[in-house]
Full PDB file with SEQRES, HELIX, SHEET, SSBOND, CRYST1, ORIGX, SCALE, CONECT and MASTER records, all heavy atoms in Angstrom:
SEQRES   1 A   37  ALA GLN GLY GLN ALA THR LEU VAL SER HIS ALA MET ASN          
SEQRES   2 A   37  GLY ILE ARG ASN MET PRO ALA ARG GLY GLY ASN PRO ALA          
SEQRES   3 A   37  LEU SER ASP THR GLU ILE SER ASN ALA VAL VAL                  
HELIX    1 AA1 GLN A    4  ASN A   13  1                                  10    
HELIX    2 AA2 ALA A   20  GLY A   23  5                                   4    
HELIX    3 AA3 ASP A   29  VAL A   36  1                                   8    
CRYST1    1.000    1.000    1.000  90.00  90.00  90.00 P 1           1          
ORIGX1      1.000000  0.000000  0.000000        0.00000                         
ORIGX2      0.000000  1.000000  0.000000        0.00000                         
ORIGX3      0.000000  0.000000  1.000000        0.00000                         
SCALE1      1.000000  0.000000  0.000000        0.00000                         
SCALE2      0.000000  1.000000  0.000000        0.00000                         
SCALE3      0.000000  0.000000  1.000000        0.00000                         
ATOM      1  N   ALA A   1       0.785  -1.208  -0.014  1.00  0.00           N  
ATOM      2  CA  ALA A   1       0.003   0.047  -0.041  1.00  0.00           C  
ATOM      3  C   ALA A   1       0.871   1.291  -0.021  1.00  0.00           C  
ATOM      4  O   ALA A   1       0.417   2.373  -0.450  1.00  0.00           O  
ATOM      5  CB  ALA A   1      -0.903   0.060   1.219  1.00  0.00           C  
ATOM      6  N   GLN A   2       2.143   1.169   0.465  1.00  0.00           N  
ATOM      7  CA  GLN A   2       2.951   2.405   0.536  1.00  0.00           C  
ATOM      8  C   GLN A   2       3.442   2.734  -0.987  1.00  0.00           C  
ATOM      9  O   GLN A   2       3.948   3.973  -1.175  1.00  0.00           O  
ATOM     10  CB  GLN A   2       4.176   2.151   1.484  1.00  0.00           C  
ATOM     11  CG  GLN A   2       3.912   1.891   2.731  1.00  0.00           C  
ATOM     12  CD  GLN A   2       5.080   1.571   3.646  1.00  0.00           C  
ATOM     13  OE1 GLN A   2       6.247   1.303   3.141  1.00  0.00           O  
ATOM     14  NE2 GLN A   2       4.913   1.534   4.983  1.00  0.00           N  
ATOM     15  N   GLY A   3       3.453   1.723  -1.745  1.00  0.00           N  
ATOM     16  CA  GLY A   3       3.735   2.004  -3.201  1.00  0.00           C  
ATOM     17  C   GLY A   3       5.106   1.523  -3.624  1.00  0.00           C  
ATOM     18  O   GLY A   3       5.900   1.308  -2.667  1.00  0.00           O  
ATOM     19  N   GLN A   4       5.349   1.215  -4.845  1.00  0.00           N  
ATOM     20  CA  GLN A   4       6.683   0.700  -5.337  1.00  0.00           C  
ATOM     21  C   GLN A   4       7.741   1.528  -5.085  1.00  0.00           C  
ATOM     22  O   GLN A   4       8.775   1.158  -4.750  1.00  0.00           O  
ATOM     23  CB  GLN A   4       6.458   0.284  -6.902  1.00  0.00           C  
ATOM     24  CG  GLN A   4       7.784  -0.199  -7.506  1.00  0.00           C  
ATOM     25  CD  GLN A   4       7.536  -0.688  -8.983  1.00  0.00           C  
ATOM     26  OE1 GLN A   4       6.492  -0.557  -9.411  1.00  0.00           O  
ATOM     27  NE2 GLN A   4       8.552  -0.994  -9.544  1.00  0.00           N  
ATOM     28  N   ALA A   5       7.554   2.840  -5.377  1.00  0.00           N  
ATOM     29  CA  ALA A   5       8.751   3.818  -5.104  1.00  0.00           C  
ATOM     30  C   ALA A   5       9.211   3.671  -3.591  1.00  0.00           C  
ATOM     31  O   ALA A   5      10.365   3.796  -3.360  1.00  0.00           O  
ATOM     32  CB  ALA A   5       8.376   5.184  -5.555  1.00  0.00           C  
ATOM     33  N   THR A   6       8.353   3.700  -2.882  1.00  0.00           N  
ATOM     34  CA  THR A   6       8.707   3.632  -1.213  1.00  0.00           C  
ATOM     35  C   THR A   6       9.479   2.490  -0.983  1.00  0.00           C  
ATOM     36  O   THR A   6      10.373   2.388  -0.283  1.00  0.00           O  
ATOM     37  CB  THR A   6       7.472   3.929  -0.457  1.00  0.00           C  
ATOM     38  OG1 THR A   6       6.824   5.210  -0.755  1.00  0.00           O  
ATOM     39  CG2 THR A   6       7.785   3.828   0.986  1.00  0.00           C  
ATOM     40  N   LEU A   7       8.932   1.354  -1.367  1.00  0.00           N  
ATOM     41  CA  LEU A   7       9.592  -0.033  -1.116  1.00  0.00           C  
ATOM     42  C   LEU A   7      10.891  -0.113  -1.776  1.00  0.00           C  
ATOM     43  O   LEU A   7      11.768  -0.551  -1.046  1.00  0.00           O  
ATOM     44  CB  LEU A   7       8.499  -1.117  -1.639  1.00  0.00           C  
ATOM     45  CG  LEU A   7       7.350  -1.362  -0.858  1.00  0.00           C  
ATOM     46  CD1 LEU A   7       6.478  -2.429  -1.646  1.00  0.00           C  
ATOM     47  CD2 LEU A   7       7.686  -1.729   0.461  1.00  0.00           C  
ATOM     48  N   VAL A   8      11.027   0.556  -2.964  1.00  0.00           N  
ATOM     49  CA  VAL A   8      12.507   0.416  -3.609  1.00  0.00           C  
ATOM     50  C   VAL A   8      13.385   1.377  -2.729  1.00  0.00           C  
ATOM     51  O   VAL A   8      14.439   1.057  -2.471  1.00  0.00           O  
ATOM     52  CB  VAL A   8      12.331   0.910  -5.104  1.00  0.00           C  
ATOM     53  CG1 VAL A   8      13.607   1.083  -5.602  1.00  0.00           C  
ATOM     54  CG2 VAL A   8      11.568  -0.170  -5.918  1.00  0.00           C  
ATOM     55  N   SER A   9      12.784   2.578  -2.311  1.00  0.00           N  
ATOM     56  CA  SER A   9      13.709   3.423  -1.574  1.00  0.00           C  
ATOM     57  C   SER A   9      14.044   2.759  -0.223  1.00  0.00           C  
ATOM     58  O   SER A   9      15.324   2.928   0.190  1.00  0.00           O  
ATOM     59  CB  SER A   9      12.904   4.712  -1.264  1.00  0.00           C  
ATOM     60  OG  SER A   9      13.564   5.525  -0.313  1.00  0.00           O  
ATOM     61  N   HIS A  10      13.090   2.071   0.468  1.00  0.00           N  
ATOM     62  CA  HIS A  10      13.509   1.375   1.705  1.00  0.00           C  
ATOM     63  C   HIS A  10      14.585   0.266   1.404  1.00  0.00           C  
ATOM     64  O   HIS A  10      15.448   0.036   2.275  1.00  0.00           O  
ATOM     65  CB  HIS A  10      12.250   0.876   2.314  1.00  0.00           C  
ATOM     66  CG  HIS A  10      11.268   1.699   2.827  1.00  0.00           C  
ATOM     67  ND1 HIS A  10       9.992   1.380   3.282  1.00  0.00           N  
ATOM     68  CD2 HIS A  10      11.478   3.081   3.170  1.00  0.00           C  
ATOM     69  CE1 HIS A  10       9.423   2.474   3.648  1.00  0.00           C  
ATOM     70  NE2 HIS A  10      10.214   3.554   3.620  1.00  0.00           N  
ATOM     71  N   ALA A  11      14.467  -0.487   0.374  1.00  0.00           N  
ATOM     72  CA  ALA A  11      15.420  -1.499   0.000  1.00  0.00           C  
ATOM     73  C   ALA A  11      16.753  -0.882  -0.276  1.00  0.00           C  
ATOM     74  O   ALA A  11      17.899  -1.444   0.101  1.00  0.00           O  
ATOM     75  CB  ALA A  11      14.914  -2.272  -1.226  1.00  0.00           C  
ATOM     76  N   MET A  12      16.887   0.262  -0.960  1.00  0.00           N  
ATOM     77  CA  MET A  12      18.034   0.862  -1.379  1.00  0.00           C  
ATOM     78  C   MET A  12      18.746   1.574  -0.246  1.00  0.00           C  
ATOM     79  O   MET A  12      19.997   1.463   0.035  1.00  0.00           O  
ATOM     80  CB  MET A  12      17.996   1.914  -2.426  1.00  0.00           C  
ATOM     81  CG  MET A  12      17.728   1.277  -3.678  1.00  0.00           C  
ATOM     82  SD  MET A  12      17.682   2.517  -5.014  1.00  0.00           S  
ATOM     83  CE  MET A  12      17.002   1.589  -6.440  1.00  0.00           C  
ATOM     84  N   ASN A  13      18.050   2.173   0.712  1.00  0.00           N  
ATOM     85  CA  ASN A  13      18.557   2.932   1.916  1.00  0.00           C  
ATOM     86  C   ASN A  13      18.518   2.275   3.197  1.00  0.00           C  
ATOM     87  O   ASN A  13      19.163   2.606   4.158  1.00  0.00           O  
ATOM     88  CB  ASN A  13      17.986   4.291   1.985  1.00  0.00           C  
ATOM     89  CG  ASN A  13      17.900   5.084   0.699  1.00  0.00           C  
ATOM     90  OD1 ASN A  13      19.024   5.182   0.077  1.00  0.00           O  
ATOM     91  ND2 ASN A  13      16.873   5.614   0.200  1.00  0.00           N  
ATOM     92  N   GLY A  14      17.762   1.118   3.234  1.00  0.00           N  
ATOM     93  CA  GLY A  14      17.692   0.296   4.554  1.00  0.00           C  
ATOM     94  C   GLY A  14      16.497   0.942   5.401  1.00  0.00           C  
ATOM     95  O   GLY A  14      16.096   2.114   5.209  1.00  0.00           O  
ATOM     96  N   ILE A  15      15.822   0.119   6.114  1.00  0.00           N  
ATOM     97  CA  ILE A  15      14.823   0.611   7.075  1.00  0.00           C  
ATOM     98  C   ILE A  15      14.879  -0.441   8.250  1.00  0.00           C  
ATOM     99  O   ILE A  15      14.916  -1.596   7.978  1.00  0.00           O  
ATOM    100  CB  ILE A  15      13.415   0.648   6.295  1.00  0.00           C  
ATOM    101  CG1 ILE A  15      12.348   1.215   7.145  1.00  0.00           C  
ATOM    102  CG2 ILE A  15      13.150  -0.757   5.839  1.00  0.00           C  
ATOM    103  CD1 ILE A  15      11.018   1.433   6.607  1.00  0.00           C  
ATOM    104  N   ARG A  16      14.654   0.077   9.377  1.00  0.00           N  
ATOM    105  CA  ARG A  16      14.527  -0.676  10.642  1.00  0.00           C  
ATOM    106  C   ARG A  16      15.741  -1.699  10.616  1.00  0.00           C  
ATOM    107  O   ARG A  16      16.937  -1.330  10.590  1.00  0.00           O  
ATOM    108  CB  ARG A  16      13.287  -1.412  10.839  1.00  0.00           C  
ATOM    109  CG  ARG A  16      12.150  -0.304  11.072  1.00  0.00           C  
ATOM    110  CD  ARG A  16      10.861  -1.064  11.289  1.00  0.00           C  
ATOM    111  NE  ARG A  16      10.139  -1.476  10.303  1.00  0.00           N  
ATOM    112  CZ  ARG A  16       9.370  -0.757   9.427  1.00  0.00           C  
ATOM    113  NH1 ARG A  16       9.405   0.560   9.564  1.00  0.00           N  
ATOM    114  NH2 ARG A  16       8.812  -1.287   8.308  1.00  0.00           N  
ATOM    115  N   ASN A  17      15.548  -2.950  10.713  1.00  0.00           N  
ATOM    116  CA  ASN A  17      16.710  -4.028  10.807  1.00  0.00           C  
ATOM    117  C   ASN A  17      17.198  -4.311   9.392  1.00  0.00           C  
ATOM    118  O   ASN A  17      18.282  -4.995   9.323  1.00  0.00           O  
ATOM    119  CB  ASN A  17      16.149  -5.231  11.430  1.00  0.00           C  
ATOM    120  CG  ASN A  17      15.779  -5.040  12.826  1.00  0.00           C  
ATOM    121  OD1 ASN A  17      16.390  -4.284  13.525  1.00  0.00           O  
ATOM    122  ND2 ASN A  17      14.686  -5.657  13.417  1.00  0.00           N  
ATOM    123  N   MET A  18      16.541  -3.799   8.279  1.00  0.00           N  
ATOM    124  CA  MET A  18      17.117  -4.318   6.943  1.00  0.00           C  
ATOM    125  C   MET A  18      18.263  -3.200   6.545  1.00  0.00           C  
ATOM    126  O   MET A  18      18.115  -2.044   6.529  1.00  0.00           O  
ATOM    127  CB  MET A  18      15.949  -4.192   5.986  1.00  0.00           C  
ATOM    128  CG  MET A  18      16.443  -4.578   4.648  1.00  0.00           C  
ATOM    129  SD  MET A  18      14.928  -4.481   3.456  1.00  0.00           S  
ATOM    130  CE  MET A  18      15.931  -4.068   2.002  1.00  0.00           C  
ATOM    131  N   PRO A  19      19.426  -3.758   6.208  1.00  0.00           N  
ATOM    132  CA  PRO A  19      20.435  -2.836   5.764  1.00  0.00           C  
ATOM    133  C   PRO A  19      20.267  -2.414   4.340  1.00  0.00           C  
ATOM    134  O   PRO A  19      19.421  -2.945   3.676  1.00  0.00           O  
ATOM    135  CB  PRO A  19      21.708  -3.890   5.834  1.00  0.00           C  
ATOM    136  CG  PRO A  19      21.166  -5.285   5.679  1.00  0.00           C  
ATOM    137  CD  PRO A  19      19.813  -5.213   6.318  1.00  0.00           C  
ATOM    138  N   ALA A  20      20.947  -1.364   4.000  1.00  0.00           N  
ATOM    139  CA  ALA A  20      20.846  -0.734   2.746  1.00  0.00           C  
ATOM    140  C   ALA A  20      21.261  -1.928   1.668  1.00  0.00           C  
ATOM    141  O   ALA A  20      22.230  -2.631   1.893  1.00  0.00           O  
ATOM    142  CB  ALA A  20      21.640   0.354   2.545  1.00  0.00           C  
ATOM    143  N   ARG A  21      20.565  -1.931   0.605  1.00  0.00           N  
ATOM    144  CA  ARG A  21      20.745  -2.867  -0.517  1.00  0.00           C  
ATOM    145  C   ARG A  21      20.927  -4.221  -0.090  1.00  0.00           C  
ATOM    146  O   ARG A  21      21.535  -5.180  -0.588  1.00  0.00           O  
ATOM    147  CB  ARG A  21      22.127  -2.516  -1.217  1.00  0.00           C  
ATOM    148  CG  ARG A  21      21.913  -1.004  -1.973  1.00  0.00           C  
ATOM    149  CD  ARG A  21      23.189  -0.752  -2.711  1.00  0.00           C  
ATOM    150  NE  ARG A  21      23.075   0.483  -3.442  1.00  0.00           N  
ATOM    151  CZ  ARG A  21      22.273   0.636  -4.521  1.00  0.00           C  
ATOM    152  NH1 ARG A  21      21.815  -0.432  -5.151  1.00  0.00           N  
ATOM    153  NH2 ARG A  21      22.276   1.822  -5.084  1.00  0.00           N  
ATOM    154  N   GLY A  22      20.253  -4.555   1.069  1.00  0.00           N  
ATOM    155  CA  GLY A  22      20.086  -6.040   1.535  1.00  0.00           C  
ATOM    156  C   GLY A  22      21.412  -6.418   1.977  1.00  0.00           C  
ATOM    157  O   GLY A  22      21.567  -7.591   2.216  1.00  0.00           O  
ATOM    158  N   GLY A  23      22.327  -5.401   2.313  1.00  0.00           N  
ATOM    159  CA  GLY A  23      23.680  -5.934   2.826  1.00  0.00           C  
ATOM    160  C   GLY A  23      24.715  -6.113   1.710  1.00  0.00           C  
ATOM    161  O   GLY A  23      25.901  -6.513   1.881  1.00  0.00           O  
ATOM    162  N   ASN A  24      24.266  -5.997   0.389  1.00  0.00           N  
ATOM    163  CA  ASN A  24      25.155  -6.167  -0.708  1.00  0.00           C  
ATOM    164  C   ASN A  24      25.327  -4.874  -1.445  1.00  0.00           C  
ATOM    165  O   ASN A  24      24.556  -4.620  -2.397  1.00  0.00           O  
ATOM    166  CB  ASN A  24      24.585  -7.284  -1.604  1.00  0.00           C  
ATOM    167  CG  ASN A  24      25.552  -7.728  -2.695  1.00  0.00           C  
ATOM    168  OD1 ASN A  24      26.602  -7.053  -3.025  1.00  0.00           O  
ATOM    169  ND2 ASN A  24      25.260  -8.855  -3.346  1.00  0.00           N  
ATOM    170  N   PRO A  25      26.390  -4.160  -1.285  1.00  0.00           N  
ATOM    171  CA  PRO A  25      26.502  -2.849  -1.978  1.00  0.00           C  
ATOM    172  C   PRO A  25      26.890  -3.030  -3.405  1.00  0.00           C  
ATOM    173  O   PRO A  25      26.720  -2.102  -4.264  1.00  0.00           O  
ATOM    174  CB  PRO A  25      27.632  -2.104  -1.225  1.00  0.00           C  
ATOM    175  CG  PRO A  25      28.470  -3.283  -0.665  1.00  0.00           C  
ATOM    176  CD  PRO A  25      27.434  -4.402  -0.325  1.00  0.00           C  
ATOM    177  N   ALA A  26      27.102  -4.200  -3.848  1.00  0.00           N  
ATOM    178  CA  ALA A  26      27.341  -4.380  -5.369  1.00  0.00           C  
ATOM    179  C   ALA A  26      26.243  -4.473  -6.264  1.00  0.00           C  
ATOM    180  O   ALA A  26      26.348  -4.407  -7.357  1.00  0.00           O  
ATOM    181  CB  ALA A  26      28.261  -5.701  -5.463  1.00  0.00           C  
ATOM    182  N   LEU A  27      24.984  -4.649  -5.536  1.00  0.00           N  
ATOM    183  CA  LEU A  27      23.713  -4.645  -6.370  1.00  0.00           C  
ATOM    184  C   LEU A  27      23.557  -3.305  -6.999  1.00  0.00           C  
ATOM    185  O   LEU A  27      23.598  -2.180  -6.365  1.00  0.00           O  
ATOM    186  CB  LEU A  27      22.693  -5.065  -5.588  1.00  0.00           C  
ATOM    187  CG  LEU A  27      22.663  -6.498  -4.983  1.00  0.00           C  
ATOM    188  CD1 LEU A  27      21.463  -6.743  -4.061  1.00  0.00           C  
ATOM    189  CD2 LEU A  27      22.683  -7.482  -6.190  1.00  0.00           C  
ATOM    190  N   SER A  28      23.043  -3.253  -8.310  1.00  0.00           N  
ATOM    191  CA  SER A  28      22.751  -2.106  -8.893  1.00  0.00           C  
ATOM    192  C   SER A  28      21.363  -1.633  -8.565  1.00  0.00           C  
ATOM    193  O   SER A  28      20.498  -2.468  -7.947  1.00  0.00           O  
ATOM    194  CB  SER A  28      22.768  -2.220 -10.411  1.00  0.00           C  
ATOM    195  OG  SER A  28      21.758  -3.128 -10.832  1.00  0.00           O  
ATOM    196  N   ASP A  29      20.946  -0.350  -8.855  1.00  0.00           N  
ATOM    197  CA  ASP A  29      19.528   0.134  -8.433  1.00  0.00           C  
ATOM    198  C   ASP A  29      18.572  -0.745  -9.231  1.00  0.00           C  
ATOM    199  O   ASP A  29      17.531  -0.986  -8.704  1.00  0.00           O  
ATOM    200  CB  ASP A  29      19.522   1.548  -8.858  1.00  0.00           C  
ATOM    201  CG  ASP A  29      20.344   2.547  -8.075  1.00  0.00           C  
ATOM    202  OD1 ASP A  29      20.827   2.009  -7.125  1.00  0.00           O  
ATOM    203  OD2 ASP A  29      20.409   3.656  -8.401  1.00  0.00           O  
ATOM    204  N   THR A  30      18.826  -1.099 -10.448  1.00  0.00           N  
ATOM    205  CA  THR A  30      17.872  -1.965 -11.291  1.00  0.00           C  
ATOM    206  C   THR A  30      17.729  -3.335 -10.597  1.00  0.00           C  
ATOM    207  O   THR A  30      16.575  -3.703 -10.533  1.00  0.00           O  
ATOM    208  CB  THR A  30      18.389  -1.990 -12.727  1.00  0.00           C  
ATOM    209  OG1 THR A  30      18.633  -0.846 -13.275  1.00  0.00           O  
ATOM    210  CG2 THR A  30      17.299  -2.837 -13.565  1.00  0.00           C  
ATOM    211  N   GLU A  31      18.804  -3.937 -10.105  1.00  0.00           N  
ATOM    212  CA  GLU A  31      18.671  -5.236  -9.453  1.00  0.00           C  
ATOM    213  C   GLU A  31      17.867  -5.057  -8.280  1.00  0.00           C  
ATOM    214  O   GLU A  31      17.032  -6.043  -7.921  1.00  0.00           O  
ATOM    215  CB  GLU A  31      20.056  -5.773  -9.219  1.00  0.00           C  
ATOM    216  CG  GLU A  31      20.805  -6.156 -10.486  1.00  0.00           C  
ATOM    217  CD  GLU A  31      22.229  -6.542 -10.141  1.00  0.00           C  
ATOM    218  OE1 GLU A  31      22.850  -5.874  -9.285  1.00  0.00           O  
ATOM    219  OE2 GLU A  31      22.776  -7.385 -10.850  1.00  0.00           O  
ATOM    220  N   ILE A  32      18.080  -4.005  -7.383  1.00  0.00           N  
ATOM    221  CA  ILE A  32      17.220  -3.801  -6.221  1.00  0.00           C  
ATOM    222  C   ILE A  32      15.774  -3.572  -6.527  1.00  0.00           C  
ATOM    223  O   ILE A  32      14.885  -4.254  -5.920  1.00  0.00           O  
ATOM    224  CB  ILE A  32      17.719  -2.514  -5.378  1.00  0.00           C  
ATOM    225  CG1 ILE A  32      19.262  -2.688  -5.004  1.00  0.00           C  
ATOM    226  CG2 ILE A  32      16.889  -2.208  -4.283  1.00  0.00           C  
ATOM    227  CD1 ILE A  32      19.473  -3.645  -3.951  1.00  0.00           C  
ATOM    228  N   SER A  33      15.433  -2.893  -7.513  1.00  0.00           N  
ATOM    229  CA  SER A  33      14.175  -2.662  -8.002  1.00  0.00           C  
ATOM    230  C   SER A  33      13.521  -3.924  -8.455  1.00  0.00           C  
ATOM    231  O   SER A  33      12.346  -4.260  -8.118  1.00  0.00           O  
ATOM    232  CB  SER A  33      14.141  -1.541  -9.078  1.00  0.00           C  
ATOM    233  OG  SER A  33      12.772  -1.451  -9.437  1.00  0.00           O  
ATOM    234  N   ASN A  34      14.290  -4.789  -9.304  1.00  0.00           N  
ATOM    235  CA  ASN A  34      13.815  -6.012  -9.782  1.00  0.00           C  
ATOM    236  C   ASN A  34      13.329  -6.970  -8.562  1.00  0.00           C  
ATOM    237  O   ASN A  34      12.374  -7.587  -8.558  1.00  0.00           O  
ATOM    238  CB  ASN A  34      14.732  -6.640 -10.593  1.00  0.00           C  
ATOM    239  CG  ASN A  34      14.970  -5.932 -11.952  1.00  0.00           C  
ATOM    240  OD1 ASN A  34      14.142  -5.215 -12.345  1.00  0.00           O  
ATOM    241  ND2 ASN A  34      15.986  -6.386 -12.652  1.00  0.00           N  
ATOM    242  N   ALA A  35      14.178  -6.972  -7.520  1.00  0.00           N  
ATOM    243  CA  ALA A  35      14.147  -7.830  -6.414  1.00  0.00           C  
ATOM    244  C   ALA A  35      12.751  -7.421  -5.526  1.00  0.00           C  
ATOM    245  O   ALA A  35      11.972  -8.211  -5.163  1.00  0.00           O  
ATOM    246  CB  ALA A  35      15.287  -7.777  -5.432  1.00  0.00           C  
ATOM    247  N   VAL A  36      12.634  -6.145  -5.372  1.00  0.00           N  
ATOM    248  CA  VAL A  36      11.398  -5.523  -4.694  1.00  0.00           C  
ATOM    249  C   VAL A  36      10.189  -5.886  -5.481  1.00  0.00           C  
ATOM    250  O   VAL A  36       9.186  -6.354  -4.890  1.00  0.00           O  
ATOM    251  CB  VAL A  36      11.522  -4.034  -4.568  1.00  0.00           C  
ATOM    252  CG1 VAL A  36      10.225  -3.599  -3.951  1.00  0.00           C  
ATOM    253  CG2 VAL A  36      12.696  -3.659  -3.493  1.00  0.00           C  
ATOM    254  N   VAL A  37      10.170  -5.672  -6.745  1.00  0.00           N  
ATOM    255  CA  VAL A  37       8.952  -5.978  -7.661  1.00  0.00           C  
ATOM    256  C   VAL A  37       8.674  -7.532  -7.490  1.00  0.00           C  
ATOM    257  O   VAL A  37       7.523  -7.908  -7.280  1.00  0.00           O  
ATOM    258  CB  VAL A  37       9.105  -5.573  -9.009  1.00  0.00           C  
ATOM    259  CG1 VAL A  37       8.081  -6.125 -10.026  1.00  0.00           C  
ATOM    260  CG2 VAL A  37       9.157  -4.012  -9.143  1.00  0.00           C  
TER     261      VAL A  37                                                      
MASTER        0    0    0    3    0    0    0    6  260    1    0    3          
END                                                                             
């Protein structure tokens, strides 16, 4: 309900216990977005 852009932003920047980029800084923005979708 928060929307795709917000979820992708949380995945890239981290939120609560989740590290930025899932803990893998080598992932590109597109790969992060693909994983969230």
